[in-house]
Amino acid sequence: RIETFPRNKTAGTYGFVSPVTIIGFLSDTIRVPAEGMNEHGFTISALSFAQSGYESPAKGAATLAPEDVVPTLLAHCADIESALKYLA
């Protein structure tokens, strides 16, 4: 299912469109955008590989939940350079 996320609902600079996966946890469900494109034209797709090793965050560093990476970057970044700065 494709959903729209208007900028006034994302708490970010940009609105975006995304196919959404619905994940259930006990009696609760969340909508997780795993890819999408924002109104500036920035696109992103999240991939996870079971065989890969992922680094642990530095002690005291801010973290971003895996399910929040795509919607956060789409809402706040215009291109790859701004996404890298946002994540730094």
Protein backbone atom coordinates (compact mmCIF):
# COMPACT_ATOMS: atom_id res chain seq x y z
CA ARG A 1 0.00 0.00 0.00
CA ILE A 2 1.41 3.42 -0.95
CA GLU A 3 0.85 6.24 1.51
CA THR A 4 1.53 9.96 1.50
CA PHE A 5 3.20 11.70 4.43
CA PRO A 6 2.58 15.47 4.18
CA ARG A 7 5.34 17.70 5.54
CA ASN A 8 3.05 19.12 8.23
CA LYS A 9 2.58 15.54 9.54
CA THR A 10 6.24 14.45 9.44
CA ALA A 11 7.71 17.16 11.69
CA GLY A 12 10.29 17.60 8.94
CA THR A 13 11.04 19.85 6.01
CA TYR A 14 9.68 17.57 3.28
CA GLY A 15 6.61 15.45 2.67
CA PHE A 16 7.08 12.07 1.01
CA VAL A 17 5.36 9.06 -0.55
CA SER A 18 6.21 5.50 0.38
CA PRO A 19 5.00 1.92 0.12
CA VAL A 20 4.25 0.95 3.71
CA THR A 21 4.71 -2.38 5.45
CA ILE A 22 2.43 -3.00 8.41
CA ILE A 23 4.14 -4.87 11.24
CA GLY A 24 2.20 -6.27 14.20
CA PHE A 25 3.49 -6.45 17.76
CA LEU A 26 1.09 -8.26 20.09
CA SER A 27 -2.01 -6.06 19.99
CA ASP A 28 -0.27 -3.09 18.36
CA THR A 29 0.74 -2.42 14.76
CA ILE A 30 3.12 0.08 13.19
CA ARG A 31 3.39 1.34 9.61
CA VAL A 32 6.99 1.16 8.41
CA PRO A 33 8.08 2.95 5.22
CA ALA A 34 11.00 0.87 3.88
CA GLU A 35 11.57 3.09 0.84
CA GLY A 36 10.19 6.23 -0.72
CA MET A 37 10.69 9.59 -2.40
CA ASN A 38 10.28 13.05 -0.91
CA GLU A 39 9.03 16.21 -2.57
CA HIS A 40 12.61 17.32 -3.30
CA GLY A 41 13.20 14.12 -5.32
CA PHE A 42 15.43 12.38 -2.76
CA THR A 43 14.83 8.62 -2.79
CA ILE A 44 15.92 5.96 -0.33
CA SER A 45 15.44 2.24 0.16
CA ALA A 46 16.40 0.33 3.30
CA LEU A 47 18.05 -3.05 2.93
CA SER A 48 19.25 -5.41 5.62
CA PHE A 49 21.40 -8.43 5.01
CA ALA A 50 21.35 -11.27 7.55
CA GLN A 51 25.01 -12.15 6.86
CA SER A 52 26.25 -8.60 7.45
CA GLY A 53 27.79 -7.24 10.60
CA TYR A 54 26.59 -3.84 11.73
CA GLU A 55 28.58 -1.55 13.99
CA SER A 56 27.39 -0.70 17.47
CA PRO A 57 26.70 2.94 18.26
CA ALA A 58 29.40 4.86 20.11
CA LYS A 59 28.77 5.25 23.81
CA GLY A 60 26.57 8.29 24.38
CA ALA A 61 25.85 8.77 20.68
CA ALA A 62 22.34 9.54 19.48
CA THR A 63 20.65 6.54 17.88
CA LEU A 64 17.91 6.10 15.32
CA ALA A 65 15.68 3.01 15.40
CA PRO A 66 15.94 0.93 12.20
CA GLU A 67 12.27 1.47 11.38
CA ASP A 68 12.77 5.26 11.63
CA VAL A 69 15.75 5.64 9.27
CA VAL A 70 13.78 5.91 6.01
CA PRO A 71 10.98 8.23 7.15
CA THR A 72 13.40 10.45 9.11
CA LEU A 73 15.79 10.91 6.19
CA LEU A 74 12.94 11.50 3.72
CA ALA A 75 11.38 14.11 6.01
CA HIS A 76 14.61 16.00 6.73
CA CYS A 77 17.01 15.59 3.78
CA ALA A 78 17.04 16.93 0.23
CA ASP A 79 19.88 14.76 -1.12
CA ILE A 80 22.54 12.23 -0.18
CA GLU A 81 24.94 14.92 1.09
CA SER A 82 22.36 16.29 3.54
CA ALA A 83 21.47 12.72 4.59
CA LEU A 84 25.12 11.97 5.41
CA LYS A 85 25.37 15.21 7.41
CA TYR A 86 22.13 14.38 9.23
CA LEU A 87 23.47 10.95 10.21
CA ALA A 88 26.93 12.24 11.26
